[in-house]
Amino acid sequence: MEAYCFKCRTKREIRNARGVTLKNGRPATQGTCPVCSTKLFRIGKA
C-alpha cells in the first residue's frame, strides 16, 4: 500500500504497515517511509 510522504514529497510504499482504527471507527493504515523513516498514514481499508 502506498501513502504520500510529506518529507520526500512523493508517494512511497508503507514499511511496517499496521491497521489501526480511528476514534470515529474508520479503518486506517500507519507505518513508516522506507527512505526517510517519517511516519506515513493513510485513511481507508487496511
PDB file of N, CA and C in Angstrom:
ATOM      1  N   MET A   1       0.844  -1.181   0.000  1.00  0.00           N
ATOM      2  CA  MET A   1       0.000   0.000   0.000  1.00  0.00           C
ATOM      3  C   MET A   1       0.887   1.241   0.000  1.00  0.00           C
ATOM      4  N   GLU A   2       0.451   2.258  -0.701  1.00  0.00           N
ATOM      5  CA  GLU A   2       1.214   3.489  -0.799  1.00  0.00           C
ATOM      6  C   GLU A   2       0.536   4.625  -0.047  1.00  0.00           C
ATOM      7  N   ALA A   3       1.360   5.558   0.425  1.00  0.00           N
ATOM      8  CA  ALA A   3       0.866   6.763   1.078  1.00  0.00           C
ATOM      9  C   ALA A   3       1.793   7.910   0.692  1.00  0.00           C
ATOM     10  N   TYR A   4       1.322   9.132   0.805  1.00  0.00           N
ATOM     11  CA  TYR A   4       2.123  10.300   0.452  1.00  0.00           C
ATOM     12  C   TYR A   4       3.049  10.666   1.606  1.00  0.00           C
ATOM     13  N   CYS A   5       4.338  10.790   1.314  1.00  0.00           N
ATOM     14  CA  CYS A   5       5.321  11.209   2.315  1.00  0.00           C
ATOM     15  C   CYS A   5       5.523  12.711   2.171  1.00  0.00           C
ATOM     16  N   PHE A   6       5.250  13.463   3.212  1.00  0.00           N
ATOM     17  CA  PHE A   6       5.358  14.916   3.154  1.00  0.00           C
ATOM     18  C   PHE A   6       6.807  15.382   3.160  1.00  0.00           C
ATOM     19  N   LYS A   7       7.694  14.581   3.701  1.00  0.00           N
ATOM     20  CA  LYS A   7       9.103  14.952   3.729  1.00  0.00           C
ATOM     21  C   LYS A   7       9.757  14.726   2.356  1.00  0.00           C
ATOM     22  N   CYS A   8       9.473  13.583   1.725  1.00  0.00           N
ATOM     23  CA  CYS A   8      10.014  13.272   0.394  1.00  0.00           C
ATOM     24  C   CYS A   8       9.214  13.933  -0.725  1.00  0.00           C
ATOM     25  N   ARG A   9       7.978  14.330  -0.415  1.00  0.00           N
ATOM     26  CA  ARG A   9       7.048  14.936  -1.372  1.00  0.00           C
ATOM     27  C   ARG A   9       6.741  14.011  -2.546  1.00  0.00           C
ATOM     28  N   THR A  10       6.543  12.738  -2.242  1.00  0.00           N
ATOM     29  CA  THR A  10       6.167  11.759  -3.256  1.00  0.00           C
ATOM     30  C   THR A  10       5.449  10.599  -2.593  1.00  0.00           C
ATOM     31  N   LYS A  11       4.807   9.744  -3.395  1.00  0.00           N
ATOM     32  CA  LYS A  11       4.153   8.565  -2.845  1.00  0.00           C
ATOM     33  C   LYS A  11       5.188   7.479  -2.609  1.00  0.00           C
ATOM     34  N   ARG A  12       5.101   6.836  -1.455  1.00  0.00           N
ATOM     35  CA  ARG A  12       6.032   5.775  -1.095  1.00  0.00           C
ATOM     36  C   ARG A  12       5.265   4.563  -0.600  1.00  0.00           C
ATOM     37  N   GLU A  13       5.879   3.392  -0.743  1.00  0.00           N
ATOM     38  CA  GLU A  13       5.320   2.157  -0.195  1.00  0.00           C
ATOM     39  C   GLU A  13       5.458   2.227   1.326  1.00  0.00           C
ATOM     40  N   ILE A  14       4.419   1.833   2.065  1.00  0.00           N
ATOM     41  CA  ILE A  14       4.453   1.890   3.523  1.00  0.00           C
ATOM     42  C   ILE A  14       5.233   0.697   4.066  1.00  0.00           C
ATOM     43  N   ARG A  15       6.241   0.965   4.897  1.00  0.00           N
ATOM     44  CA  ARG A  15       7.019  -0.089   5.542  1.00  0.00           C
ATOM     45  C   ARG A  15       6.475  -0.285   6.962  1.00  0.00           C
ATOM     46  N   ASN A  16       6.482  -1.511   7.429  1.00  0.00           N
ATOM     47  CA  ASN A  16       5.956  -1.865   8.764  1.00  0.00           C
ATOM     48  C   ASN A  16       4.503  -1.414   8.910  1.00  0.00           C
ATOM     49  N   ALA A  17       3.710  -1.643   7.877  1.00  0.00           N
ATOM     50  CA  ALA A  17       2.306  -1.217   7.880  1.00  0.00           C
ATOM     51  C   ALA A  17       1.502  -2.012   8.893  1.00  0.00           C
ATOM     52  N   ARG A  18       0.634  -1.315   9.598  1.00  0.00           N
ATOM     53  CA  ARG A  18      -0.273  -1.972  10.542  1.00  0.00           C
ATOM     54  C   ARG A  18      -1.615  -1.263  10.493  1.00  0.00           C
ATOM     55  N   GLY A  19      -2.653  -2.044  10.645  1.00  0.00           N
ATOM     56  CA  GLY A  19      -4.001  -1.492  10.627  1.00  0.00           C
ATOM     57  C   GLY A  19      -4.356  -0.865  11.951  1.00  0.00           C
ATOM     58  N   VAL A  20      -4.938   0.300  11.915  1.00  0.00           N
ATOM     59  CA  VAL A  20      -5.388   0.999  13.114  1.00  0.00           C
ATOM     60  C   VAL A  20      -6.835   1.438  12.900  1.00  0.00           C
ATOM     61  N   THR A  21      -7.518   1.757  13.988  1.00  0.00           N
ATOM     62  CA  THR A  21      -8.888   2.252  13.930  1.00  0.00           C
ATOM     63  C   THR A  21      -8.928   3.648  14.532  1.00  0.00           C
ATOM     64  N   LEU A  22      -9.529   4.584  13.802  1.00  0.00           N
ATOM     65  CA  LEU A  22      -9.649   5.956  14.284  1.00  0.00           C
ATOM     66  C   LEU A  22     -10.726   6.050  15.364  1.00  0.00           C
ATOM     67  N   LYS A  23     -10.788   7.186  16.035  1.00  0.00           N
ATOM     68  CA  LYS A  23     -11.773   7.400  17.101  1.00  0.00           C
ATOM     69  C   LYS A  23     -13.202   7.224  16.615  1.00  0.00           C
ATOM     70  N   ASN A  24     -13.454   7.618  15.356  1.00  0.00           N
ATOM     71  CA  ASN A  24     -14.808   7.519  14.818  1.00  0.00           C
ATOM     72  C   ASN A  24     -15.107   6.141  14.229  1.00  0.00           C
ATOM     73  N   GLY A  25     -14.168   5.186  14.351  1.00  0.00           N
ATOM     74  CA  GLY A  25     -14.404   3.829  13.909  1.00  0.00           C
ATOM     75  C   GLY A  25     -13.926   3.513  12.496  1.00  0.00           C
ATOM     76  N   ARG A  26     -13.410   4.490  11.781  1.00  0.00           N
ATOM     77  CA  ARG A  26     -12.927   4.253  10.417  1.00  0.00           C
ATOM     78  C   ARG A  26     -11.572   3.544  10.441  1.00  0.00           C
ATOM     79  N   PRO A  27     -11.335   2.651   9.497  1.00  0.00           N
ATOM     80  CA  PRO A  27     -10.039   1.972   9.439  1.00  0.00           C
ATOM     81  C   PRO A  27      -8.974   2.863   8.797  1.00  0.00           C
ATOM     82  N   ALA A  28      -7.717   2.624   9.162  1.00  0.00           N
ATOM     83  CA  ALA A  28      -6.600   3.362   8.578  1.00  0.00           C
ATOM     84  C   ALA A  28      -5.362   2.486   8.623  1.00  0.00           C
ATOM     85  N   THR A  29      -4.318   2.896   7.899  1.00  0.00           N
ATOM     86  CA  THR A  29      -3.055   2.188   7.881  1.00  0.00           C
ATOM     87  C   THR A  29      -1.958   3.148   8.308  1.00  0.00           C
ATOM     88  N   GLN A  30      -1.062   2.675   9.175  1.00  0.00           N
ATOM     89  CA  GLN A  30       0.014   3.501   9.670  1.00  0.00           C
ATOM     90  C   GLN A  30       1.321   2.747   9.523  1.00  0.00           C
ATOM     91  N   GLY A  31       2.386   3.453   9.173  1.00  0.00           N
ATOM     92  CA  GLY A  31       3.691   2.827   9.023  1.00  0.00           C
ATOM     93  C   GLY A  31       4.765   3.885   8.866  1.00  0.00           C
ATOM     94  N   THR A  32       5.895   3.516   8.240  1.00  0.00           N
ATOM     95  CA  THR A  32       6.986   4.457   8.060  1.00  0.00           C
ATOM     96  C   THR A  32       7.430   4.492   6.603  1.00  0.00           C
ATOM     97  N   CYS A  33       8.090   5.581   6.232  1.00  0.00           N
ATOM     98  CA  CYS A  33       8.643   5.744   4.893  1.00  0.00           C
ATOM     99  C   CYS A  33       9.953   4.959   4.817  1.00  0.00           C
ATOM    100  N   PRO A  34      10.159   4.143   3.772  1.00  0.00           N
ATOM    101  CA  PRO A  34      11.394   3.366   3.671  1.00  0.00           C
ATOM    102  C   PRO A  34      12.631   4.216   3.390  1.00  0.00           C
ATOM    103  N   VAL A  35      12.458   5.452   2.912  1.00  0.00           N
ATOM    104  CA  VAL A  35      13.593   6.305   2.569  1.00  0.00           C
ATOM    105  C   VAL A  35      14.014   7.199   3.732  1.00  0.00           C
ATOM    106  N   CYS A  36      13.043   7.932   4.330  1.00  0.00           N
ATOM    107  CA  CYS A  36      13.391   8.923   5.358  1.00  0.00           C
ATOM    108  C   CYS A  36      12.884   8.565   6.754  1.00  0.00           C
ATOM    109  N   SER A  37      12.172   7.456   6.908  1.00  0.00           N
ATOM    110  CA  SER A  37      11.657   6.964   8.196  1.00  0.00           C
ATOM    111  C   SER A  37      10.621   7.875   8.843  1.00  0.00           C
ATOM    112  N   THR A  38       9.976   8.725   8.062  1.00  0.00           N
ATOM    113  CA  THR A  38       8.888   9.555   8.564  1.00  0.00           C
ATOM    114  C   THR A  38       7.634   8.703   8.684  1.00  0.00           C
ATOM    115  N   LYS A  39       6.759   9.028   9.644  1.00  0.00           N
ATOM    116  CA  LYS A  39       5.504   8.307   9.782  1.00  0.00           C
ATOM    117  C   LYS A  39       4.616   8.559   8.576  1.00  0.00           C
ATOM    118  N   LEU A  40       4.039   7.488   8.041  1.00  0.00           N
ATOM    119  CA  LEU A  40       3.071   7.593   6.952  1.00  0.00           C
ATOM    120  C   LEU A  40       1.726   7.131   7.466  1.00  0.00           C
ATOM    121  N   PHE A  41       0.663   7.755   6.971  1.00  0.00           N
ATOM    122  CA  PHE A  41      -0.678   7.463   7.454  1.00  0.00           C
ATOM    123  C   PHE A  41      -1.633   7.536   6.282  1.00  0.00           C
ATOM    124  N   ARG A  42      -2.479   6.523   6.159  1.00  0.00           N
ATOM    125  CA  ARG A  42      -3.466   6.527   5.081  1.00  0.00           C
ATOM    126  C   ARG A  42      -4.814   6.064   5.635  1.00  0.00           C
ATOM    127  N   ILE A  43      -5.835   6.892   5.423  1.00  0.00           N
ATOM    128  CA  ILE A  43      -7.175   6.552   5.875  1.00  0.00           C
ATOM    129  C   ILE A  43      -7.832   5.684   4.821  1.00  0.00           C
ATOM    130  N   GLY A  44      -8.520   4.643   5.259  1.00  0.00           N
ATOM    131  CA  GLY A  44      -9.194   3.744   4.342  1.00  0.00           C
ATOM    132  C   GLY A  44      -8.916   2.301   4.730  1.00  0.00           C
ATOM    133  N   LYS A  45      -9.285   1.373   3.853  1.00  0.00           N
ATOM    134  CA  LYS A  45      -9.100  -0.042   4.153  1.00  0.00           C
ATOM    135  C   LYS A  45      -7.649  -0.371   4.462  1.00  0.00           C
ATOM    136  N   ALA A  46      -7.459  -1.195   5.473  1.00  0.00           N
ATOM    137  CA  ALA A  46      -6.096  -1.538   5.897  1.00  0.00           C
ATOM    138  C   ALA A  46      -5.491  -2.643   5.112  1.00  0.00           C
TER     139      ALA A  46
END
